[in-house]
Amino acid sequence: MMTTDRPVRVLYFAKVRETVGADTDHLPMAKPTLISDCLKTLSTFSSAHAAGLENTDALRFAVNHKLVEKDAVVHPGDEIAIFPPVTGG
């Protein structure tokens, strides 16, 4: 059986976007993967990515527009949004 990678679209928001220096990335993916493992891979893209994704406990995540924890599973072709906690005032 042949496996075909379907990239996951990664969206960065607010301070994460500023630190990473990009709005989006594409992460090749051939099988379901935990968000935490995706973050490890994304952190290897550049030193800016490593800095922006350093404190994963302070980040929030959404997969296909649904808020999830970093132990959620991402499937090939999904979309991940990464953002800092939202505060109001």
PDB file of N, CA and C in Angstrom:
ATOM      1  N   MET A   1       0.840  -1.182   0.000  1.00  0.00           N
ATOM      2  CA  MET A   1       0.000   0.000   0.000  1.00  0.00           C
ATOM      3  C   MET A   1       0.881   1.241   0.000  1.00  0.00           C
ATOM      4  N   MET A   2       0.642   2.142  -0.915  1.00  0.00           N
ATOM      5  CA  MET A   2       1.439   3.341  -1.034  1.00  0.00           C
ATOM      6  C   MET A   2       0.875   4.435  -0.129  1.00  0.00           C
ATOM      7  N   THR A   3       1.750   5.129   0.590  1.00  0.00           N
ATOM      8  CA  THR A   3       1.331   6.208   1.470  1.00  0.00           C
ATOM      9  C   THR A   3       1.615   7.540   0.795  1.00  0.00           C
ATOM     10  N   THR A   4       0.649   8.424   0.839  1.00  0.00           N
ATOM     11  CA  THR A   4       0.817   9.749   0.259  1.00  0.00           C
ATOM     12  C   THR A   4       0.729  10.780   1.364  1.00  0.00           C
ATOM     13  N   ASP A   5       1.743  11.636   1.434  1.00  0.00           N
ATOM     14  CA  ASP A   5       1.709  12.721   2.410  1.00  0.00           C
ATOM     15  C   ASP A   5       0.650  13.746   2.010  1.00  0.00           C
ATOM     16  N   ARG A   6      -0.126  14.174   2.978  1.00  0.00           N
ATOM     17  CA  ARG A   6      -1.066  15.280   2.791  1.00  0.00           C
ATOM     18  C   ARG A   6      -0.695  16.306   3.837  1.00  0.00           C
ATOM     19  N   PRO A   7      -0.200  17.451   3.433  1.00  0.00           N
ATOM     20  CA  PRO A   7       0.290  18.414   4.409  1.00  0.00           C
ATOM     21  C   PRO A   7      -0.804  18.929   5.328  1.00  0.00           C
ATOM     22  N   VAL A   8      -0.390  19.228   6.534  1.00  0.00           N
ATOM     23  CA  VAL A   8      -1.233  19.900   7.514  1.00  0.00           C
ATOM     24  C   VAL A   8      -0.909  21.384   7.396  1.00  0.00           C
ATOM     25  N   ARG A   9      -1.922  22.192   7.309  1.00  0.00           N
ATOM     26  CA  ARG A   9      -1.724  23.639   7.267  1.00  0.00           C
ATOM     27  C   ARG A   9      -1.660  24.121   8.712  1.00  0.00           C
ATOM     28  N   VAL A  10      -0.607  24.865   9.030  1.00  0.00           N
ATOM     29  CA  VAL A  10      -0.409  25.391  10.375  1.00  0.00           C
ATOM     30  C   VAL A  10      -0.557  26.906  10.319  1.00  0.00           C
ATOM     31  N   LEU A  11      -1.450  27.444  11.135  1.00  0.00           N
ATOM     32  CA  LEU A  11      -1.689  28.888  11.208  1.00  0.00           C
ATOM     33  C   LEU A  11      -1.168  29.413  12.542  1.00  0.00           C
ATOM     34  N   TYR A  12      -0.436  30.515  12.490  1.00  0.00           N
ATOM     35  CA  TYR A  12       0.094  31.142  13.704  1.00  0.00           C
ATOM     36  C   TYR A  12      -0.629  32.463  13.931  1.00  0.00           C
ATOM     37  N   PHE A  13      -0.939  32.765  15.200  1.00  0.00           N
ATOM     38  CA  PHE A  13      -1.657  33.981  15.525  1.00  0.00           C
ATOM     39  C   PHE A  13      -0.949  34.767  16.625  1.00  0.00           C
ATOM     40  N   ALA A  14      -1.165  36.083  16.607  1.00  0.00           N
ATOM     41  CA  ALA A  14      -0.721  37.014  17.637  1.00  0.00           C
ATOM     42  C   ALA A  14       0.784  36.902  17.893  1.00  0.00           C
ATOM     43  N   LYS A  15       1.169  36.793  19.147  1.00  0.00           N
ATOM     44  CA  LYS A  15       2.593  36.775  19.529  1.00  0.00           C
ATOM     45  C   LYS A  15       3.329  35.596  18.899  1.00  0.00           C
ATOM     46  N   VAL A  16       2.664  34.467  18.729  1.00  0.00           N
ATOM     47  CA  VAL A  16       3.305  33.308  18.103  1.00  0.00           C
ATOM     48  C   VAL A  16       3.700  33.663  16.668  1.00  0.00           C
ATOM     49  N   ARG A  17       2.797  34.301  15.935  1.00  0.00           N
ATOM     50  CA  ARG A  17       3.078  34.708  14.553  1.00  0.00           C
ATOM     51  C   ARG A  17       4.247  35.696  14.507  1.00  0.00           C
ATOM     52  N   GLU A  18       4.252  36.645  15.438  1.00  0.00           N
ATOM     53  CA  GLU A  18       5.334  37.633  15.483  1.00  0.00           C
ATOM     54  C   GLU A  18       6.681  36.967  15.742  1.00  0.00           C
ATOM     55  N   THR A  19       6.716  36.034  16.655  1.00  0.00           N
ATOM     56  CA  THR A  19       7.976  35.373  17.016  1.00  0.00           C
ATOM     57  C   THR A  19       8.452  34.435  15.918  1.00  0.00           C
ATOM     58  N   VAL A  20       7.541  33.645  15.376  1.00  0.00           N
ATOM     59  CA  VAL A  20       7.891  32.699  14.313  1.00  0.00           C
ATOM     60  C   VAL A  20       8.260  33.443  13.032  1.00  0.00           C
ATOM     61  N   GLY A  21       7.617  34.573  12.800  1.00  0.00           N
ATOM     62  CA  GLY A  21       7.892  35.358  11.604  1.00  0.00           C
ATOM     63  C   GLY A  21       7.150  34.872  10.373  1.00  0.00           C
ATOM     64  N   ALA A  22       6.052  34.164  10.581  1.00  0.00           N
ATOM     65  CA  ALA A  22       5.255  33.654   9.462  1.00  0.00           C
ATOM     66  C   ALA A  22       3.798  33.536   9.890  1.00  0.00           C
ATOM     67  N   ASP A  23       2.907  33.638   8.918  1.00  0.00           N
ATOM     68  CA  ASP A  23       1.479  33.432   9.169  1.00  0.00           C
ATOM     69  C   ASP A  23       1.126  31.959   9.134  1.00  0.00           C
ATOM     70  N   THR A  24       1.767  31.231   8.204  1.00  0.00           N
ATOM     71  CA  THR A  24       1.425  29.826   7.990  1.00  0.00           C
ATOM     72  C   THR A  24       2.658  28.994   7.669  1.00  0.00           C
ATOM     73  N   ASP A  25       2.511  27.721   7.874  1.00  0.00           N
ATOM     74  CA  ASP A  25       3.484  26.720   7.449  1.00  0.00           C
ATOM     75  C   ASP A  25       2.698  25.510   6.971  1.00  0.00           C
ATOM     76  N   HIS A  26       3.386  24.641   6.260  1.00  0.00           N
ATOM     77  CA  HIS A  26       2.799  23.367   5.848  1.00  0.00           C
ATOM     78  C   HIS A  26       3.696  22.253   6.352  1.00  0.00           C
ATOM     79  N   LEU A  27       3.086  21.320   7.049  1.00  0.00           N
ATOM     80  CA  LEU A  27       3.806  20.215   7.665  1.00  0.00           C
ATOM     81  C   LEU A  27       3.421  18.918   6.954  1.00  0.00           C
ATOM     82  N   PRO A  28       4.360  18.294   6.231  1.00  0.00           N
ATOM     83  CA  PRO A  28       4.035  17.028   5.566  1.00  0.00           C
ATOM     84  C   PRO A  28       3.590  15.982   6.585  1.00  0.00           C
ATOM     85  N   MET A  29       2.558  15.231   6.240  1.00  0.00           N
ATOM     86  CA  MET A  29       2.057  14.231   7.173  1.00  0.00           C
ATOM     87  C   MET A  29       1.458  13.059   6.407  1.00  0.00           C
ATOM     88  N   ALA A  30       1.866  11.861   6.780  1.00  0.00           N
ATOM     89  CA  ALA A  30       1.367  10.657   6.115  1.00  0.00           C
ATOM     90  C   ALA A  30       0.452   9.838   7.010  1.00  0.00           C
ATOM     91  N   LYS A  31       0.482  10.093   8.322  1.00  0.00           N
ATOM     92  CA  LYS A  31      -0.352   9.325   9.244  1.00  0.00           C
ATOM     93  C   LYS A  31      -0.768  10.217  10.406  1.00  0.00           C
ATOM     94  N   PRO A  32      -1.820   9.872  11.136  1.00  0.00           N
ATOM     95  CA  PRO A  32      -2.242  10.667  12.287  1.00  0.00           C
ATOM     96  C   PRO A  32      -1.094  10.852  13.279  1.00  0.00           C
ATOM     97  N   THR A  33      -1.006  12.069  13.818  1.00  0.00           N
ATOM     98  CA  THR A  33       0.095  12.454  14.691  1.00  0.00           C
ATOM     99  C   THR A  33      -0.441  13.348  15.807  1.00  0.00           C
ATOM    100  N   LEU A  34       0.142  13.263  16.987  1.00  0.00           N
ATOM    101  CA  LEU A  34      -0.245  14.146  18.090  1.00  0.00           C
ATOM    102  C   LEU A  34       0.224  15.572  17.820  1.00  0.00           C
ATOM    103  N   ILE A  35      -0.537  16.543  18.285  1.00  0.00           N
ATOM    104  CA  ILE A  35      -0.110  17.935  18.163  1.00  0.00           C
ATOM    105  C   ILE A  35       1.263  18.119  18.798  1.00  0.00           C
ATOM    106  N   SER A  36       1.496  17.517  19.941  1.00  0.00           N
ATOM    107  CA  SER A  36       2.792  17.672  20.617  1.00  0.00           C
ATOM    108  C   SER A  36       3.943  17.231  19.718  1.00  0.00           C
ATOM    109  N   ASP A  37       3.748  16.188  18.931  1.00  0.00           N
ATOM    110  CA  ASP A  37       4.787  15.743  17.998  1.00  0.00           C
ATOM    111  C   ASP A  37       4.919  16.708  16.816  1.00  0.00           C
ATOM    112  N   CYS A  38       3.807  17.267  16.372  1.00  0.00           N
ATOM    113  CA  CYS A  38       3.864  18.282  15.319  1.00  0.00           C
ATOM    114  C   CYS A  38       4.669  19.490  15.793  1.00  0.00           C
ATOM    115  N   LEU A  39       4.461  19.889  17.049  1.00  0.00           N
ATOM    116  CA  LEU A  39       5.182  21.033  17.600  1.00  0.00           C
ATOM    117  C   LEU A  39       6.685  20.781  17.635  1.00  0.00           C
ATOM    118  N   LYS A  40       7.064  19.557  17.992  1.00  0.00           N
ATOM    119  CA  LYS A  40       8.491  19.214  18.004  1.00  0.00           C
ATOM    120  C   LYS A  40       9.083  19.363  16.609  1.00  0.00           C
ATOM    121  N   THR A  41       8.362  18.886  15.605  1.00  0.00           N
ATOM    122  CA  THR A  41       8.842  18.997  14.227  1.00  0.00           C
ATOM    123  C   THR A  41       8.889  20.453  13.784  1.00  0.00           C
ATOM    124  N   LEU A  42       7.838  21.206  14.051  1.00  0.00           N
ATOM    125  CA  LEU A  42       7.806  22.618  13.665  1.00  0.00           C
ATOM    126  C   LEU A  42       8.946  23.397  14.320  1.00  0.00           C
ATOM    127  N   SER A  43       9.309  23.034  15.534  1.00  0.00           N
ATOM    128  CA  SER A  43      10.393  23.718  16.247  1.00  0.00           C
ATOM    129  C   SER A  43      11.743  23.556  15.562  1.00  0.00           C
ATOM    130  N   THR A  44      11.855  22.545  14.702  1.00  0.00           N
ATOM    131  CA  THR A  44      13.119  22.335  13.986  1.00  0.00           C
ATOM    132  C   THR A  44      13.208  23.170  12.706  1.00  0.00           C
ATOM    133  N   PHE A  45      12.146  23.852  12.324  1.00  0.00           N
ATOM    134  CA  PHE A  45      12.147  24.628  11.083  1.00  0.00           C
ATOM    135  C   PHE A  45      13.139  25.782  11.126  1.00  0.00           C
ATOM    136  N   SER A  46      13.263  26.450  12.279  1.00  0.00           N
ATOM    137  CA  SER A  46      14.190  27.581  12.423  1.00  0.00           C
ATOM    138  C   SER A  46      14.319  27.921  13.905  1.00  0.00           C
ATOM    139  N   SER A  47      15.282  28.765  14.214  1.00  0.00           N
ATOM    140  CA  SER A  47      15.427  29.204  15.606  1.00  0.00           C
ATOM    141  C   SER A  47      14.229  30.061  16.024  1.00  0.00           C
ATOM    142  N   ALA A  48      13.646  30.787  15.085  1.00  0.00           N
ATOM    143  CA  ALA A  48      12.450  31.580  15.383  1.00  0.00           C
ATOM    144  C   ALA A  48      11.269  30.667  15.711  1.00  0.00           C
ATOM    145  N   HIS A  49      11.125  29.575  14.975  1.00  0.00           N
ATOM    146  CA  HIS A  49      10.074  28.601  15.282  1.00  0.00           C
ATOM    147  C   HIS A  49      10.298  28.008  16.672  1.00  0.00           C
ATOM    148  N   ALA A  50      11.542  27.652  16.966  1.00  0.00           N
ATOM    149  CA  ALA A  50      11.854  27.077  18.279  1.00  0.00           C
ATOM    150  C   ALA A  50      11.482  28.058  19.385  1.00  0.00           C
ATOM    151  N   ALA A  51      11.775  29.342  19.192  1.00  0.00           N
ATOM    152  CA  ALA A  51      11.452  30.352  20.204  1.00  0.00           C
ATOM    153  C   ALA A  51       9.943  30.551  20.328  1.00  0.00           C
ATOM    154  N   GLY A  52       9.248  30.594  19.215  1.00  0.00           N
ATOM    155  CA  GLY A  52       7.804  30.827  19.233  1.00  0.00           C
ATOM    156  C   GLY A  52       7.003  29.667  19.795  1.00  0.00           C
ATOM    157  N   LEU A  53       7.564  28.471  19.703  1.00  0.00           N
ATOM    158  CA  LEU A  53       6.851  27.271  20.157  1.00  0.00           C
ATOM    159  C   LEU A  53       7.472  26.682  21.412  1.00  0.00           C
ATOM    160  N   GLU A  54       8.357  27.447  22.053  1.00  0.00           N
ATOM    161  CA  GLU A  54       9.121  26.963  23.199  1.00  0.00           C
ATOM    162  C   GLU A  54       8.252  26.568  24.398  1.00  0.00           C
ATOM    163  N   ASN A  55       7.336  27.419  24.776  1.00  0.00           N
ATOM    164  CA  ASN A  55       6.524  27.174  25.975  1.00  0.00           C
ATOM    165  C   ASN A  55       5.144  26.666  25.566  1.00  0.00           C
ATOM    166  N   THR A  56       5.065  25.398  25.226  1.00  0.00           N
ATOM    167  CA  THR A  56       3.804  24.843  24.715  1.00  0.00           C
ATOM    168  C   THR A  56       2.685  24.845  25.753  1.00  0.00           C
ATOM    169  N   ASP A  57       3.040  24.887  27.042  1.00  0.00           N
ATOM    170  CA  ASP A  57       2.006  24.936  28.076  1.00  0.00           C
ATOM    171  C   ASP A  57       1.258  26.264  28.071  1.00  0.00           C
ATOM    172  N   ALA A  58       1.871  27.295  27.495  1.00  0.00           N
ATOM    173  CA  ALA A  58       1.242  28.615  27.456  1.00  0.00           C
ATOM    174  C   ALA A  58       0.507  28.863  26.138  1.00  0.00           C
ATOM    175  N   LEU A  59       0.493  27.882  25.258  1.00  0.00           N
ATOM    176  CA  LEU A  59      -0.164  28.036  23.962  1.00  0.00           C
ATOM    177  C   LEU A  59      -1.504  27.321  23.932  1.00  0.00           C
ATOM    178  N   ARG A  60      -2.344  27.740  23.012  1.00  0.00           N
ATOM    179  CA  ARG A  60      -3.630  27.094  22.781  1.00  0.00           C
ATOM    180  C   ARG A  60      -3.642  26.593  21.343  1.00  0.00           C
ATOM    181  N   PHE A  61      -4.474  25.574  21.093  1.00  0.00           N
ATOM    182  CA  PHE A  61      -4.494  24.924  19.794  1.00  0.00           C
ATOM    183  C   PHE A  61      -5.928  24.676  19.343  1.00  0.00           C
ATOM    184  N   ALA A  62      -6.111  24.728  18.035  1.00  0.00           N
ATOM    185  CA  ALA A  62      -7.384  24.341  17.438  1.00  0.00           C
ATOM    186  C   ALA A  62      -7.066  23.462  16.234  1.00  0.00           C
ATOM    187  N   VAL A  63      -7.848  22.420  16.066  1.00  0.00           N
ATOM    188  CA  VAL A  63      -7.745  21.571  14.880  1.00  0.00           C
ATOM    189  C   VAL A  63      -9.072  21.692  14.149  1.00  0.00           C
ATOM    190  N   ASN A  64      -8.982  22.142  12.921  1.00  0.00           N
ATOM    191  CA  ASN A  64     -10.185  22.341  12.102  1.00  0.00           C
ATOM    192  C   ASN A  64     -11.226  23.181  12.844  1.00  0.00           C
ATOM    193  N   HIS A  65     -10.758  24.260  13.474  1.00  0.00           N
ATOM    194  CA  HIS A  65     -11.592  25.262  14.152  1.00  0.00           C
ATOM    195  C   HIS A  65     -12.206  24.789  15.466  1.00  0.00           C
ATOM    196  N   LYS A  66     -11.708  23.706  16.031  1.00  0.00           N
ATOM    197  CA  LYS A  66     -12.203  23.207  17.317  1.00  0.00           C
ATOM    198  C   LYS A  66     -11.046  23.229  18.313  1.00  0.00           C
ATOM    199  N   LEU A  67     -11.238  23.885  19.455  1.00  0.00           N
ATOM    200  CA  LEU A  67     -10.190  23.948  20.472  1.00  0.00           C
ATOM    201  C   LEU A  67      -9.866  22.553  20.997  1.00  0.00           C
ATOM    202  N   VAL A  68      -8.577  22.273  21.109  1.00  0.00           N
ATOM    203  CA  VAL A  68      -8.109  20.962  21.558  1.00  0.00           C
ATOM    204  C   VAL A  68      -6.883  21.142  22.447  1.00  0.00           C
ATOM    205  N   GLU A  69      -6.502  20.073  23.116  1.00  0.00           N
ATOM    206  CA  GLU A  69      -5.275  20.059  23.910  1.00  0.00           C
ATOM    207  C   GLU A  69      -4.134  19.548  23.033  1.00  0.00           C
ATOM    208  N   LYS A  70      -2.898  19.668  23.527  1.00  0.00           N
ATOM    209  CA  LYS A  70      -1.757  19.265  22.698  1.00  0.00           C
ATOM    210  C   LYS A  70      -1.609  17.752  22.561  1.00  0.00           C
ATOM    211  N   ASP A  71      -2.445  16.987  23.261  1.00  0.00           N
ATOM    212  CA  ASP A  71      -2.426  15.534  23.069  1.00  0.00           C
ATOM    213  C   ASP A  71      -3.484  15.080  22.052  1.00  0.00           C
ATOM    214  N   ALA A  72      -4.102  16.054  21.371  1.00  0.00           N
ATOM    215  CA  ALA A  72      -5.089  15.735  20.328  1.00  0.00           C
ATOM    216  C   ALA A  72      -4.379  15.188  19.097  1.00  0.00           C
ATOM    217  N   VAL A  73      -5.108  14.407  18.337  1.00  0.00           N
ATOM    218  CA  VAL A  73      -4.567  13.802  17.116  1.00  0.00           C
ATOM    219  C   VAL A  73      -4.895  14.682  15.916  1.00  0.00           C
ATOM    220  N   VAL A  74      -3.895  14.874  15.076  1.00  0.00           N
ATOM    221  CA  VAL A  74      -4.037  15.615  13.825  1.00  0.00           C
ATOM    222  C   VAL A  74      -3.923  14.607  12.691  1.00  0.00           C
ATOM    223  N   HIS A  75      -4.801  14.715  11.711  1.00  0.00           N
ATOM    224  CA  HIS A  75      -4.789  13.812  10.561  1.00  0.00           C
ATOM    225  C   HIS A  75      -4.245  14.533   9.334  1.00  0.00           C
ATOM    226  N   PRO A  76      -3.679  13.788   8.403  1.00  0.00           N
ATOM    227  CA  PRO A  76      -3.222  14.408   7.155  1.00  0.00           C
ATOM    228  C   PRO A  76      -4.335  15.247   6.536  1.00  0.00           C
ATOM    229  N   GLY A  77      -3.977  16.453   6.116  1.00  0.00           N
ATOM    230  CA  GLY A  77      -4.946  17.355   5.502  1.00  0.00           C
ATOM    231  C   GLY A  77      -5.668  18.268   6.473  1.00  0.00           C
ATOM    232  N   ASP A  78      -5.482  18.075   7.789  1.00  0.00           N
ATOM    233  CA  ASP A  78      -6.133  18.933   8.785  1.00  0.00           C
ATOM    234  C   ASP A  78      -5.481  20.314   8.812  1.00  0.00           C
ATOM    235  N   GLU A  79      -6.079  21.191   9.603  1.00  0.00           N
ATOM    236  CA  GLU A  79      -5.539  22.528   9.838  1.00  0.00           C
ATOM    237  C   GLU A  79      -5.340  22.712  11.344  1.00  0.00           C
ATOM    238  N   ILE A  80      -4.164  23.175  11.734  1.00  0.00           N
ATOM    239  CA  ILE A  80      -3.861  23.468  13.136  1.00  0.00           C
ATOM    240  C   ILE A  80      -3.704  24.974  13.278  1.00  0.00           C
ATOM    241  N   ALA A  81      -4.349  25.550  14.274  1.00  0.00           N
ATOM    242  CA  ALA A  81      -4.132  26.952  14.637  1.00  0.00           C
ATOM    243  C   ALA A  81      -3.410  26.978  15.977  1.00  0.00           C
ATOM    244  N   ILE A  82      -2.391  27.821  16.074  1.00  0.00           N
ATOM    245  CA  ILE A  82      -1.605  27.933  17.302  1.00  0.00           C
ATOM    246  C   ILE A  82      -1.639  29.400  17.724  1.00  0.00           C
ATOM    247  N   PHE A  83      -2.040  29.626  18.989  1.00  0.00           N
ATOM    248  CA  PHE A  83      -2.157  31.001  19.460  1.00  0.00           C
ATOM    249  C   PHE A  83      -1.944  31.060  20.968  1.00  0.00           C
ATOM    250  N   PRO A  84      -1.568  32.244  21.465  1.00  0.00           N
ATOM    251  CA  PRO A  84      -1.443  32.406  22.915  1.00  0.00           C
ATOM    252  C   PRO A  84      -2.828  32.483  23.531  1.00  0.00           C
ATOM    253  N   PRO A  85      -2.928  32.301  24.844  1.00  0.00           N
ATOM    254  CA  PRO A  85      -4.245  32.432  25.491  1.00  0.00           C
ATOM    255  C   PRO A  85      -4.802  33.831  25.246  1.00  0.00           C
ATOM    256  N   VAL A  86      -6.097  33.896  25.068  1.00  0.00           N
ATOM    257  CA  VAL A  86      -6.754  35.174  24.831  1.00  0.00           C
ATOM    258  C   VAL A  86      -7.141  35.758  26.170  1.00  0.00           C
ATOM    259  N   THR A  87      -6.827  37.041  26.341  1.00  0.00           N
ATOM    260  CA  THR A  87      -7.224  37.733  27.557  1.00  0.00           C
ATOM    261  C   THR A  87      -8.073  38.928  27.179  1.00  0.00           C
ATOM    262  N   GLY A  88      -8.892  39.344  28.071  1.00  0.00           N
ATOM    263  CA  GLY A  88      -9.753  40.487  27.784  1.00  0.00           C
ATOM    264  C   GLY A  88      -9.644  41.521  28.887  1.00  0.00           C
ATOM    265  N   GLY A  89     -10.253  42.629  28.665  1.00  0.00           N
ATOM    266  CA  GLY A  89     -10.190  43.652  29.693  1.00  0.00           C
ATOM    267  C   GLY A  89     -10.944  44.863  29.308  1.00  0.00           C
TER     268      GLY A  89
END
